[in-house]
C-alpha atoms as a PDB file:
ATOM      1  CA  MET A   1      13.486  -8.853 -17.782  1.00  0.00           C
ATOM      2  CA  THR A   2      10.397  -7.787 -19.911  1.00  0.00           C
ATOM      3  CA  ARG A   3       6.978  -7.693 -18.879  1.00  0.00           C
ATOM      4  CA  SER A   4       4.908 -10.537 -20.504  1.00  0.00           C
ATOM      5  CA  ASP A   5       1.256 -11.443 -20.253  1.00  0.00           C
ATOM      6  CA  ASP A   6       2.350 -14.463 -18.491  1.00  0.00           C
ATOM      7  CA  ASP A   7       4.163 -13.459 -15.616  1.00  0.00           C
ATOM      8  CA  SER A   8       1.904  -9.967 -15.045  1.00  0.00           C
ATOM      9  CA  PRO A   9       1.401  -9.299 -11.941  1.00  0.00           C
ATOM     10  CA  ALA A  10      -2.418  -9.385 -11.945  1.00  0.00           C
ATOM     11  CA  ASP A  11      -2.194 -13.064 -12.624  1.00  0.00           C
ATOM     12  CA  ALA A  12      -1.075 -13.473  -9.587  1.00  0.00           C
ATOM     13  CA  SER A  13      -2.749 -14.083  -5.911  1.00  0.00           C
ATOM     14  CA  SER A  14      -0.872 -11.000  -4.614  1.00  0.00           C
ATOM     15  CA  ALA A  15      -1.812  -8.193  -6.701  1.00  0.00           C
ATOM     16  CA  THR A  16       2.155  -6.383  -5.825  1.00  0.00           C
ATOM     17  CA  ALA A  17       4.225  -9.849  -5.049  1.00  0.00           C
ATOM     18  CA  ARG A  18       5.539 -12.440  -7.826  1.00  0.00           C
ATOM     19  CA  ARG A  19       4.852 -15.073  -6.556  1.00  0.00           C
ATOM     20  CA  PRO A  20       2.369 -16.206  -3.560  1.00  0.00           C
ATOM     21  CA  ARG A  21       3.146 -16.256  -0.005  1.00  0.00           C
ATOM     22  CA  ALA A  22       1.904 -17.107   3.369  1.00  0.00           C
ATOM     23  CA  ARG A  23       2.259 -13.900   5.560  1.00  0.00           C
ATOM     24  CA  ARG A  24       0.759 -12.899   8.948  1.00  0.00           C
ATOM     25  CA  ARG A  25      -0.465 -10.210   6.482  1.00  0.00           C
ATOM     26  CA  THR A  26      -0.985 -10.639   2.862  1.00  0.00           C
ATOM     27  CA  LEU A  27       1.605  -8.753   1.151  1.00  0.00           C
ATOM     28  CA  LEU A  28      -0.619  -6.127  -0.987  1.00  0.00           C
ATOM     29  CA  ALA A  29      -3.028  -8.614  -1.866  1.00  0.00           C
ATOM     30  CA  GLY A  30      -5.803  -6.940  -3.056  1.00  0.00           C
ATOM     31  CA  THR A  31      -8.497  -4.759  -2.369  1.00  0.00           C
ATOM     32  CA  ALA A  32     -11.353  -7.659  -1.523  1.00  0.00           C
ATOM     33  CA  GLY A  33     -13.269  -6.808   1.766  1.00  0.00           C
ATOM     34  CA  LEU A  34     -13.552  -2.643   1.519  1.00  0.00           C
ATOM     35  CA  ALA A  35     -14.293  -1.036   4.687  1.00  0.00           C
ATOM     36  CA  ALA A  36     -17.765   0.995   3.516  1.00  0.00           C
ATOM     37  CA  THR A  37     -17.865   4.209   5.304  1.00  0.00           C
ATOM     38  CA  GLY A  38     -20.430   6.981   5.524  1.00  0.00           C
ATOM     39  CA  ALA A  39     -19.492  10.622   5.341  1.00  0.00           C
ATOM     40  CA  LEU A  40     -17.118  11.667   8.127  1.00  0.00           C
ATOM     41  CA  GLY A  41     -16.798  15.057   9.848  1.00  0.00           C
ATOM     42  CA  LEU A  42     -13.215  17.063   9.086  1.00  0.00           C
ATOM     43  CA  ALA A  43     -12.824  19.250  12.012  1.00  0.00           C
ATOM     44  CA  TYR A  44      -9.960  19.943  13.384  1.00  0.00           C
ATOM     45  CA  THR A  45      -7.897  21.372  16.019  1.00  0.00           C
ATOM     46  CA  ASP A  46      -4.568  23.489  15.962  1.00  0.00           C
ATOM     47  CA  GLY A  47      -2.813  20.864  17.288  1.00  0.00           C
ATOM     48  CA  GLY A  48      -4.048  18.277  14.794  1.00  0.00           C
ATOM     49  CA  ILE A  49      -6.435  16.230  17.368  1.00  0.00           C
ATOM     50  CA  PRO A  50      -9.831  15.856  16.091  1.00  0.00           C
ATOM     51  CA  THR A  51     -12.281  17.751  17.805  1.00  0.00           C
ATOM     52  CA  ASP A  52     -15.918  16.675  18.777  1.00  0.00           C
ATOM     53  CA  ALA A  53     -17.421  17.344  15.679  1.00  0.00           C
ATOM     54  CA  PHE A  54     -15.499  14.118  14.120  1.00  0.00           C
ATOM     55  CA  GLU A  55     -16.731  10.862  14.608  1.00  0.00           C
ATOM     56  CA  PRO A  56     -14.206   8.245  14.382  1.00  0.00           C
ATOM     57  CA  PRO A  57     -15.250   5.484  12.155  1.00  0.00           C
ATOM     58  CA  GLU A  58     -16.172   2.315  13.427  1.00  0.00           C
ATOM     59  CA  PRO A  59     -13.052  -0.130  13.358  1.00  0.00           C
ATOM     60  CA  ASP A  60     -13.308  -3.369  11.228  1.00  0.00           C
ATOM     61  CA  LEU A  61     -11.781  -5.806  13.533  1.00  0.00           C
ATOM     62  CA  ASP A  62     -10.694  -7.751   9.988  1.00  0.00           C
ATOM     63  CA  ALA A  63      -8.813  -5.168   8.847  1.00  0.00           C
ATOM     64  CA  ASP A  64      -4.999  -6.113   8.687  1.00  0.00           C
ATOM     65  CA  PRO A  65      -3.380  -3.579   6.609  1.00  0.00           C
ATOM     66  CA  THR A  66       0.461  -4.573   5.052  1.00  0.00           C
ATOM     67  CA  LEU A  67       3.059  -2.597   7.688  1.00  0.00           C
ATOM     68  CA  ILE A  68       5.749  -1.277   5.201  1.00  0.00           C
ATOM     69  CA  ALA A  69       8.607   0.349   7.301  1.00  0.00           C
ATOM     70  CA  HIS A  70       9.732   3.758   5.825  1.00  0.00           C
ATOM     71  CA  ARG A  71      13.046   3.635   4.985  1.00  0.00           C
ATOM     72  CA  GLY A  72      12.969   0.837   7.691  1.00  0.00           C
ATOM     73  CA  PHE A  73      11.596   2.691  10.157  1.00  0.00           C
ATOM     74  CA  ALA A  74      13.271   5.906   9.716  1.00  0.00           C
ATOM     75  CA  GLY A  75      11.635   7.505  13.093  1.00  0.00           C
ATOM     76  CA  GLU A  76      13.391   4.946  15.342  1.00  0.00           C
ATOM     77  CA  ASN A  77      16.029   3.507  13.231  1.00  0.00           C
ATOM     78  CA  PRO A  78      19.251   5.095  11.427  1.00  0.00           C
ATOM     79  CA  GLU A  79      17.068   5.922   7.756  1.00  0.00           C
ATOM     80  CA  ASN A  80      18.060   3.240   4.634  1.00  0.00           C
ATOM     81  CA  THR A  81      20.437   1.468   6.388  1.00  0.00           C
ATOM     82  CA  VAL A  82      21.369  -1.985   6.660  1.00  0.00           C
ATOM     83  CA  ALA A  83      20.950  -1.626  10.618  1.00  0.00           C
ATOM     84  CA  ALA A  84      16.781  -0.327  10.020  1.00  0.00           C
ATOM     85  CA  ALA A  85      16.193  -3.145   7.705  1.00  0.00           C
ATOM     86  CA  SER A  86      17.587  -5.721  10.132  1.00  0.00           C
ATOM     87  CA  ALA A  87      15.913  -3.923  12.604  1.00  0.00           C
ATOM     88  CA  ALA A  88      12.580  -3.453  10.982  1.00  0.00           C
ATOM     89  CA  ALA A  89      12.441  -7.332   9.510  1.00  0.00           C
ATOM     90  CA  GLY A  90      15.314  -9.016  10.554  1.00  0.00           C
ATOM     91  CA  ARG A  91      13.840 -12.870  12.392  1.00  0.00           C
ATOM     92  CA  ASP A  92      14.618 -12.011  15.711  1.00  0.00           C
ATOM     93  CA  VAL A  93      12.043  -9.265  15.431  1.00  0.00           C
ATOM     94  CA  PRO A  94       9.029 -10.109  17.288  1.00  0.00           C
ATOM     95  CA  ASP A  95       6.267 -10.489  15.184  1.00  0.00           C
ATOM     96  CA  SER A  96       3.919  -7.235  16.348  1.00  0.00           C
ATOM     97  CA  ARG A  97       6.783  -5.258  15.322  1.00  0.00           C
ATOM     98  CA  ARG A  98       7.998  -6.508  12.101  1.00  0.00           C
ATOM     99  CA  ALA A  99       7.567  -4.964   8.689  1.00  0.00           C
ATOM    100  CA  ASP A 100       5.741  -6.789   5.768  1.00  0.00           C
ATOM    101  CA  LEU A 101       7.620  -4.644   3.799  1.00  0.00           C
ATOM    102  CA  VAL A 102      10.732  -2.764   3.936  1.00  0.00           C
ATOM    103  CA  GLU A 103      10.694   1.145   2.097  1.00  0.00           C
ATOM    104  CA  VAL A 104      14.025   1.794   0.560  1.00  0.00           C
ATOM    105  CA  ASP A 105      15.232   4.530  -1.370  1.00  0.00           C
ATOM    106  CA  ALA A 106      17.584   4.058  -4.404  1.00  0.00           C
ATOM    107  CA  VAL A 107      19.959   6.999  -6.243  1.00  0.00           C
ATOM    108  CA  PRO A 108      23.090   6.074  -7.995  1.00  0.00           C
ATOM    109  CA  THR A 109      26.354   7.332  -7.087  1.00  0.00           C
ATOM    110  CA  ALA A 110      29.070   9.212  -9.545  1.00  0.00           C
ATOM    111  CA  ASP A 111      30.319   5.345 -10.853  1.00  0.00           C
ATOM    112  CA  GLY A 112      26.826   4.105 -11.183  1.00  0.00           C
ATOM    113  CA  ASP A 113      26.317   1.795  -8.147  1.00  0.00           C
ATOM    114  CA  VAL A 114      23.003   2.058  -6.598  1.00  0.00           C
ATOM    115  CA  VAL A 115      22.824   3.083  -2.866  1.00  0.00           C
ATOM    116  CA  ALA A 116      20.241   3.112  -0.583  1.00  0.00           C
ATOM    117  CA  PHE A 117      19.569   7.227   0.229  1.00  0.00           C
ATOM    118  CA  HIS A 118      16.874   9.175   0.199  1.00  0.00           C
ATOM    119  CA  ASP A 119      18.438  13.216  -0.363  1.00  0.00           C
ATOM    120  CA  ASP A 120      20.184  14.648  -3.429  1.00  0.00           C
ATOM    121  CA  ARG A 121      22.786  15.671  -1.424  1.00  0.00           C
ATOM    122  CA  LEU A 122      24.790  13.449   1.303  1.00  0.00           C
ATOM    123  CA  ALA A 123      24.389  17.074   3.804  1.00  0.00           C
ATOM    124  CA  GLY A 124      21.926  19.167   2.812  1.00  0.00           C
ATOM    125  CA  ARG A 125      18.840  18.406   4.694  1.00  0.00           C
ATOM    126  CA  ALA A 126      16.695  21.408   6.287  1.00  0.00           C
ATOM    127  CA  GLY A 127      19.035  23.756   3.803  1.00  0.00           C
ATOM    128  CA  GLY A 128      22.114  22.548   5.443  1.00  0.00           C
ATOM    129  CA  ALA A 129      21.173  23.072   8.608  1.00  0.00           C
ATOM    130  CA  LEU A 130      21.005  19.442   9.402  1.00  0.00           C
ATOM    131  CA  GLY A 131      23.986  16.744   8.239  1.00  0.00           C
ATOM    132  CA  LEU A 132      22.422  13.463   7.099  1.00  0.00           C
ATOM    133  CA  THR A 133      25.655  12.629   6.841  1.00  0.00           C
ATOM    134  CA  ASP A 134      28.909  13.268   7.848  1.00  0.00           C
ATOM    135  CA  ALA A 135      30.138  13.558   4.214  1.00  0.00           C
ATOM    136  CA  GLU A 136      29.735  16.438   1.555  1.00  0.00           C
ATOM    137  CA  GLY A 137      28.852  16.174  -1.831  1.00  0.00           C
ATOM    138  CA  VAL A 138      25.889  15.650  -4.622  1.00  0.00           C
ATOM    139  CA  VAL A 139      25.657  11.646  -4.248  1.00  0.00           C
ATOM    140  CA  TRP A 140      25.659  11.119  -7.991  1.00  0.00           C
ATOM    141  CA  GLU A 141      28.396  13.475  -8.367  1.00  0.00           C
ATOM    142  CA  THR A 142      30.541  11.400  -5.480  1.00  0.00           C
ATOM    143  CA  ASP A 143      32.607   8.299  -5.637  1.00  0.00           C
ATOM    144  CA  THR A 144      31.218   4.967  -4.234  1.00  0.00           C
ATOM    145  CA  GLU A 145      33.862   4.888  -1.757  1.00  0.00           C
ATOM    146  CA  THR A 146      32.920   8.373  -0.247  1.00  0.00           C
ATOM    147  CA  VAL A 147      29.262   7.728  -0.403  1.00  0.00           C
ATOM    148  CA  THR A 148      29.380   4.413   1.547  1.00  0.00           C
ATOM    149  CA  ASP A 149      32.010   5.946   3.700  1.00  0.00           C
ATOM    150  CA  ALA A 150      29.445   8.192   4.765  1.00  0.00           C
ATOM    151  CA  GLU A 151      27.675   7.843   8.450  1.00  0.00           C
ATOM    152  CA  VAL A 152      24.244   8.437   8.595  1.00  0.00           C
ATOM    153  CA  LEU A 153      22.866  10.807  11.721  1.00  0.00           C
ATOM    154  CA  GLY A 154      25.738  10.002  13.768  1.00  0.00           C
ATOM    155  CA  SER A 155      24.393   6.352  14.161  1.00  0.00           C
ATOM    156  CA  GLY A 156      27.654   4.616  13.232  1.00  0.00           C
ATOM    157  CA  GLU A 157      25.742   3.338  10.325  1.00  0.00           C
ATOM    158  CA  THR A 158      27.678   3.858   6.707  1.00  0.00           C
ATOM    159  CA  VAL A 159      25.283   4.690   3.180  1.00  0.00           C
ATOM    160  CA  PRO A 160      25.141   0.816   2.111  1.00  0.00           C
ATOM    161  CA  LEU A 161      24.877  -0.187  -1.057  1.00  0.00           C
ATOM    162  CA  LEU A 162      21.278  -1.076  -2.114  1.00  0.00           C
ATOM    163  CA  ALA A 163      22.433  -5.009  -2.589  1.00  0.00           C
ATOM    164  CA  ASP A 164      23.199  -5.029   1.677  1.00  0.00           C
ATOM    165  CA  VAL A 165      20.071  -3.597   2.561  1.00  0.00           C
ATOM    166  CA  LEU A 166      18.137  -6.422   0.223  1.00  0.00           C
ATOM    167  CA  ALA A 167      21.047  -8.830   1.851  1.00  0.00           C
ATOM    168  CA  ALA A 168      19.770  -7.707   5.420  1.00  0.00           C
ATOM    169  CA  VAL A 169      15.636  -8.270   4.449  1.00  0.00           C
ATOM    170  CA  PRO A 170      14.951 -12.379   4.791  1.00  0.00           C
ATOM    171  CA  ALA A 171      12.992 -13.762   1.044  1.00  0.00           C
ATOM    172  CA  ASP A 172       9.545 -13.741   2.945  1.00  0.00           C
ATOM    173  CA  VAL A 173       9.990  -9.813   3.736  1.00  0.00           C
ATOM    174  CA  GLY A 174       8.802  -7.582   0.490  1.00  0.00           C
ATOM    175  CA  VAL A 175      11.022  -4.714  -0.746  1.00  0.00           C
ATOM    176  CA  ASN A 176       9.538  -1.341  -1.977  1.00  0.00           C
ATOM    177  CA  VAL A 177      12.025   0.092  -3.764  1.00  0.00           C
ATOM    178  CA  GLU A 178      11.026   3.787  -4.593  1.00  0.00           C
ATOM    179  CA  LEU A 179      13.287   5.069  -7.716  1.00  0.00           C
ATOM    180  CA  LYS A 180      14.472   8.426  -6.242  1.00  0.00           C
ATOM    181  CA  ASN A 181      16.768  10.100  -8.985  1.00  0.00           C
ATOM    182  CA  PRO A 182      18.572   8.537 -11.539  1.00  0.00           C
ATOM    183  CA  GLY A 183      21.304  11.441 -11.358  1.00  0.00           C
ATOM    184  CA  ARG A 184      19.729  14.611 -12.496  1.00  0.00           C
ATOM    185  CA  THR A 185      18.086  18.094 -11.253  1.00  0.00           C
ATOM    186  CA  ASP A 186      15.654  18.466 -13.894  1.00  0.00           C
ATOM    187  CA  LEU A 187      13.133  15.805 -12.441  1.00  0.00           C
ATOM    188  CA  ARG A 188       9.659  15.677 -13.390  1.00  0.00           C
ATOM    189  CA  SER A 189       8.192  15.001 -10.079  1.00  0.00           C
ATOM    190  CA  GLY A 190       4.459  14.606  -9.699  1.00  0.00           C
ATOM    191  CA  GLU A 191       3.756  15.226 -13.429  1.00  0.00           C
ATOM    192  CA  LYS A 192       0.942  13.575 -16.013  1.00  0.00           C
ATOM    193  CA  LEU A 193       3.584  13.563 -19.210  1.00  0.00           C
ATOM    194  CA  SER A 194       1.961  12.283 -22.699  1.00  0.00           C
ATOM    195  CA  GLY A 195       4.105  12.065 -26.003  1.00  0.00           C
ATOM    196  CA  ALA A 196       7.606  13.240 -26.600  1.00  0.00           C
ATOM    197  CA  GLU A 197       7.759  14.495 -22.821  1.00  0.00           C
ATOM    198  CA  LEU A 198       7.356  10.801 -21.695  1.00  0.00           C
ATOM    199  CA  ALA A 199       9.524   9.487 -23.943  1.00  0.00           C
ATOM    200  CA  GLU A 200      12.115  11.560 -23.249  1.00  0.00           C
ATOM    201  CA  ARG A 201      12.284  10.697 -19.387  1.00  0.00           C
ATOM    202  CA  THR A 202      11.464   7.233 -19.275  1.00  0.00           C
ATOM    203  CA  ALA A 203      14.916   7.064 -21.477  1.00  0.00           C
ATOM    204  CA  VAL A 204      16.851   8.969 -18.949  1.00  0.00           C
ATOM    205  CA  TRP A 205      15.274   7.018 -16.223  1.00  0.00           C
ATOM    206  CA  ARG A 206      15.545   3.460 -18.286  1.00  0.00           C
ATOM    207  CA  PRO A 207      19.101   2.973 -17.401  1.00  0.00           C
ATOM    208  CA  PHE A 208      19.568   3.600 -13.724  1.00  0.00           C
ATOM    209  CA  VAL A 209      16.551   1.485 -13.640  1.00  0.00           C
ATOM    210  CA  GLU A 210      17.732  -1.358 -15.366  1.00  0.00           C
ATOM    211  CA  ARG A 211      20.728  -1.352 -12.508  1.00  0.00           C
ATOM    212  CA  VAL A 212      17.705  -1.286  -9.843  1.00  0.00           C
ATOM    213  CA  VAL A 213      16.309  -3.877 -11.350  1.00  0.00           C
ATOM    214  CA  GLY A 214      19.393  -6.324 -12.188  1.00  0.00           C
ATOM    215  CA  ILE A 215      20.167  -6.067  -8.271  1.00  0.00           C
ATOM    216  CA  LEU A 216      16.257  -7.302  -7.110  1.00  0.00           C
ATOM    217  CA  ASP A 217      16.700 -10.249  -9.996  1.00  0.00           C
ATOM    218  CA  ASP A 218      19.221 -11.454  -7.693  1.00  0.00           C
ATOM    219  CA  HIS A 219      17.094 -11.825  -4.703  1.00  0.00           C
ATOM    220  CA  ASP A 220      13.863 -13.456  -3.660  1.00  0.00           C
ATOM    221  CA  ASN A 221      11.890 -11.049  -1.996  1.00  0.00           C
ATOM    222  CA  ALA A 222       8.182  -9.748  -3.422  1.00  0.00           C
ATOM    223  CA  VAL A 223       9.054  -6.396  -4.761  1.00  0.00           C
ATOM    224  CA  LEU A 224       7.292  -3.059  -5.414  1.00  0.00           C
ATOM    225  CA  LEU A 225       8.626  -0.327  -7.487  1.00  0.00           C
ATOM    226  CA  SER A 226       7.263   3.081  -6.965  1.00  0.00           C
ATOM    227  CA  SER A 227       8.802   6.660  -7.745  1.00  0.00           C
ATOM    228  CA  PHE A 228       6.916  10.099  -7.699  1.00  0.00           C
ATOM    229  CA  CYS A 229       8.218  10.528 -11.366  1.00  0.00           C
ATOM    230  CA  GLU A 230       6.142   9.064 -14.090  1.00  0.00           C
ATOM    231  CA  GLY A 231       9.345   8.205 -16.043  1.00  0.00           C
ATOM    232  CA  ALA A 232      10.257   5.718 -13.561  1.00  0.00           C
ATOM    233  CA  LEU A 233       7.472   4.046 -14.070  1.00  0.00           C
ATOM    234  CA  ALA A 234       6.927   3.931 -17.468  1.00  0.00           C
ATOM    235  CA  ALA A 235      11.049   2.328 -17.340  1.00  0.00           C
ATOM    236  CA  SER A 236       9.919  -0.029 -15.075  1.00  0.00           C
ATOM    237  CA  ARG A 237       7.462  -1.213 -17.222  1.00  0.00           C
ATOM    238  CA  GLU A 238       9.608  -1.324 -19.843  1.00  0.00           C
ATOM    239  CA  VAL A 239      12.289  -3.805 -18.354  1.00  0.00           C
ATOM    240  CA  SER A 240      10.690  -5.422 -15.794  1.00  0.00           C
ATOM    241  CA  SER A 241       7.799  -6.877 -14.753  1.00  0.00           C
ATOM    242  CA  TYR A 242       7.503  -5.823 -11.035  1.00  0.00           C
ATOM    243  CA  PRO A 243       4.838  -4.081  -9.580  1.00  0.00           C
ATOM    244  CA  VAL A 244       4.717  -0.329  -9.913  1.00  0.00           C
ATOM    245  CA  ALA A 245       3.132   2.682  -7.622  1.00  0.00           C
ATOM    246  CA  PRO A 246       2.995   6.404  -8.800  1.00  0.00           C
ATOM    247  CA  ILE A 247       3.321   8.203  -4.921  1.00  0.00           C
ATOM    248  CA  LEU A 248       1.224  10.970  -5.178  1.00  0.00           C
ATOM    249  CA  SER A 249       1.885  14.465  -4.427  1.00  0.00           C
ATOM    250  CA  GLY A 250      -0.646  17.036  -5.355  1.00  0.00           C
ATOM    251  CA  SER A 251      -3.652  15.942  -7.554  1.00  0.00           C
ATOM    252  CA  VAL A 252      -5.099  12.978  -6.714  1.00  0.00           C
ATOM    253  CA  GLU A 253      -6.584  12.995 -10.882  1.00  0.00           C
ATOM    254  CA  ASP A 254      -2.703  13.012 -12.168  1.00  0.00           C
ATOM    255  CA  GLY A 255      -1.801  10.198  -9.568  1.00  0.00           C
ATOM    256  CA  LEU A 256      -5.284   8.092 -10.916  1.00  0.00           C
ATOM    257  CA  GLU A 257      -3.990   9.138 -14.709  1.00  0.00           C
ATOM    258  CA  ILE A 258      -0.627   8.032 -14.317  1.00  0.00           C
ATOM    259  CA  ALA A 259      -1.669   4.426 -12.577  1.00  0.00           C
ATOM    260  CA  ARG A 260      -3.719   4.426 -15.186  1.00  0.00           C
ATOM    261  CA  GLU A 261      -1.418   4.920 -17.978  1.00  0.00           C
ATOM    262  CA  HIS A 262       1.023   2.444 -16.782  1.00  0.00           C
ATOM    263  CA  ASP A 263      -1.364  -0.411 -15.266  1.00  0.00           C
ATOM    264  CA  ALA A 264      -0.405   0.275 -11.811  1.00  0.00           C
ATOM    265  CA  GLU A 265      -1.058  -2.155  -8.918  1.00  0.00           C
ATOM    266  CA  ALA A 266      -0.796   0.188  -6.466  1.00  0.00           C
ATOM    267  CA  VAL A 267      -1.184   4.101  -5.466  1.00  0.00           C
ATOM    268  CA  HIS A 268       1.081   5.274  -2.424  1.00  0.00           C
ATOM    269  CA  PRO A 269      -1.510   8.982  -1.510  1.00  0.00           C
ATOM    270  CA  PRO A 270       0.275  11.101   1.201  1.00  0.00           C
ATOM    271  CA  ILE A 271      -2.372  11.184   4.197  1.00  0.00           C
ATOM    272  CA  ASP A 272      -3.830  14.001   3.519  1.00  0.00           C
ATOM    273  CA  LEU A 273      -5.559  13.297   0.423  1.00  0.00           C
ATOM    274  CA  VAL A 274      -7.244   9.933   1.792  1.00  0.00           C
ATOM    275  CA  ARG A 275     -11.108  11.362   2.330  1.00  0.00           C
ATOM    276  CA  GLY A 276     -12.946  10.101   4.982  1.00  0.00           C
ATOM    277  CA  THR A 277     -10.569  11.266   7.750  1.00  0.00           C
ATOM    278  CA  PRO A 278      -9.602  13.806   9.564  1.00  0.00           C
ATOM    279  CA  PHE A 279      -6.975  14.423   7.929  1.00  0.00           C
ATOM    280  CA  ALA A 280      -7.959  15.486   4.351  1.00  0.00           C
ATOM    281  CA  ALA A 281     -10.389  18.513   3.109  1.00  0.00           C
ATOM    282  CA  ASP A 282     -12.218  18.401  -0.293  1.00  0.00           C
ATOM    283  CA  GLU A 283     -10.150  21.222  -1.557  1.00  0.00           C
ATOM    284  CA  VAL A 284      -7.143  18.845  -1.148  1.00  0.00           C
ATOM    285  CA  THR A 285      -8.564  16.147  -2.688  1.00  0.00           C
ATOM    286  CA  GLY A 286     -10.387  17.770  -5.229  1.00  0.00           C
ATOM    287  CA  GLY A 287     -13.427  15.535  -3.759  1.00  0.00           C
ATOM    288  CA  VAL A 288     -12.064  12.344  -4.950  1.00  0.00           C
ATOM    289  CA  ASP A 289     -12.251   9.704  -2.815  1.00  0.00           C
ATOM    290  CA  LEU A 290      -8.958   7.813  -3.443  1.00  0.00           C
ATOM    291  CA  VAL A 291      -9.803   4.592  -1.612  1.00  0.00           C
ATOM    292  CA  GLU A 292     -12.710   3.912  -3.549  1.00  0.00           C
ATOM    293  CA  THR A 293     -11.697   4.564  -7.002  1.00  0.00           C
ATOM    294  CA  ALA A 294      -8.150   3.067  -6.909  1.00  0.00           C
ATOM    295  CA  HIS A 295     -10.174  -0.150  -5.530  1.00  0.00           C
ATOM    296  CA  ALA A 296     -12.795   0.274  -8.241  1.00  0.00           C
ATOM    297  CA  GLU A 297     -10.061   0.058 -10.842  1.00  0.00           C
ATOM    298  CA  GLY A 298      -8.060  -2.949  -9.010  1.00  0.00           C
ATOM    299  CA  ARG A 299      -5.942  -0.911  -7.373  1.00  0.00           C
ATOM    300  CA  GLU A 300      -4.243  -1.013  -3.625  1.00  0.00           C
ATOM    301  CA  VAL A 301      -3.522   1.573  -2.037  1.00  0.00           C
ATOM    302  CA  ASN A 302      -0.459   2.180   0.243  1.00  0.00           C
ATOM    303  CA  VAL A 303      -0.456   5.922   2.290  1.00  0.00           C
ATOM    304  CA  TRP A 304       2.642   7.637   3.434  1.00  0.00           C
ATOM    305  CA  THR A 305       3.809   8.702   5.876  1.00  0.00           C
ATOM    306  CA  VAL A 306       1.789   7.374   9.368  1.00  0.00           C
ATOM    307  CA  GLU A 307       3.654   7.990  12.722  1.00  0.00           C
ATOM    308  CA  THR A 308       0.858   7.354  15.115  1.00  0.00           C
ATOM    309  CA  TRP A 309      -1.905   4.410  16.093  1.00  0.00           C
ATOM    310  CA  TYR A 310      -4.512   6.386  16.248  1.00  0.00           C
ATOM    311  CA  GLU A 311      -4.041   7.408  12.076  1.00  0.00           C
ATOM    312  CA  ALA A 312      -3.230   3.746  11.022  1.00  0.00           C
ATOM    313  CA  ARG A 313      -6.846   3.448  13.188  1.00  0.00           C
ATOM    314  CA  LEU A 314      -8.264   5.700  11.292  1.00  0.00           C
ATOM    315  CA  LEU A 315      -6.989   4.944   7.599  1.00  0.00           C
ATOM    316  CA  ALA A 316      -7.504   1.101   8.211  1.00  0.00           C
ATOM    317  CA  ALA A 317     -11.426   1.990   9.085  1.00  0.00           C
ATOM    318  CA  VAL A 318     -11.704   3.837   5.460  1.00  0.00           C
ATOM    319  CA  GLY A 319      -9.824   0.480   4.041  1.00  0.00           C
ATOM    320  CA  VAL A 320      -6.455   1.421   2.934  1.00  0.00           C
ATOM    321  CA  ASP A 321      -4.246  -1.669   2.191  1.00  0.00           C
ATOM    322  CA  GLY A 322      -1.400  -0.565   3.471  1.00  0.00           C
ATOM    323  CA  ILE A 323       0.551   2.155   5.699  1.00  0.00           C
ATOM    324  CA  ILE A 324       3.986   2.983   5.346  1.00  0.00           C
ATOM    325  CA  ALA A 325       5.056   4.107   8.734  1.00  0.00           C
ATOM    326  CA  ASP A 326       7.881   5.221  10.449  1.00  0.00           C
ATOM    327  CA  TYR A 327       7.471   3.254  13.734  1.00  0.00           C
ATOM    328  CA  ALA A 328       7.009  -0.528  13.952  1.00  0.00           C
ATOM    329  CA  GLY A 329       4.156  -1.732  16.005  1.00  0.00           C
ATOM    330  CA  LEU A 330       1.470   1.008  15.050  1.00  0.00           C
ATOM    331  CA  LEU A 331      -1.040  -2.195  13.570  1.00  0.00           C
ATOM    332  CA  ASP A 332      -1.007  -3.432  17.045  1.00  0.00           C
ATOM    333  CA  ARG A 333      -1.616  -0.347  19.442  1.00  0.00           C
ATOM    334  CA  TRP A 334      -4.880   0.065  18.549  1.00  0.00           C
ATOM    335  CA  PRO A 335      -7.509   0.156  21.475  1.00  0.00           C
ATOM    336  CA  TRP A 336     -10.605  -1.664  20.123  1.00  0.00           C
END
């Protein structure tokens, strides 16, 4: 599916949904109503709780950020599994705990199938100290049967095909697919590329992105494609009309330049790159107000990874559009 001016998400009623939908929270629905904030103290105690020098911003009672279930709320569910997707967004999930989007990672197997999995290795987390599954091997060097038989975190759930995760997500819930790896060890993660380098990286990603897009096209969910790698975003723009978002890691400026280069509908910074909260300092952000800049350029800001209601509260107060969270219910526990 080729991106065209006629089906550009910029012309849709939602910046990152391919079609309008009435939702409890609008799916990444633009940058109207941004919260205005002043300079906030950045004092931090050793335990990570703001000291008296930090004055929490006044809450915006109208703030209603999009709730994005990180790997299916990985803090409470076996990540990237069908069970996690169902627990995050199933029909029987209470509205206060139901995600607006389910975020899932995508990598290929040796057979070319796309599975929902985060790591390069089936059991290589924490330097091998923690087996994410009960199997061994690099995912893209391992046959599909072995990968999909691997048990995730002793939960009884196994590594699913991406299609199986999508089948577990109701059509009124969006899907954020992170293009994690096309099957290479030489990724150019977090780098702003240009010219021949970008063309070469786009070619590396294109076959995998085409497979992912083909799977997504069989489902009716709103879709957002994200990646740390510019080549993945460039390939996504070439082969689909789905909205895209660079995932920032280090440089705010590089992330914004990637977003501009590929007309991204959103940016996904880590929590420590969001100014106006006690989680970031100028030496990290480079003095750039990412939320203000992104909004001025018409992009939404979805922040990872949010683990507490307090983090969610402060992020909402400085105007972020979405939180990519490890736990459900964070947006309904604020003590306003």
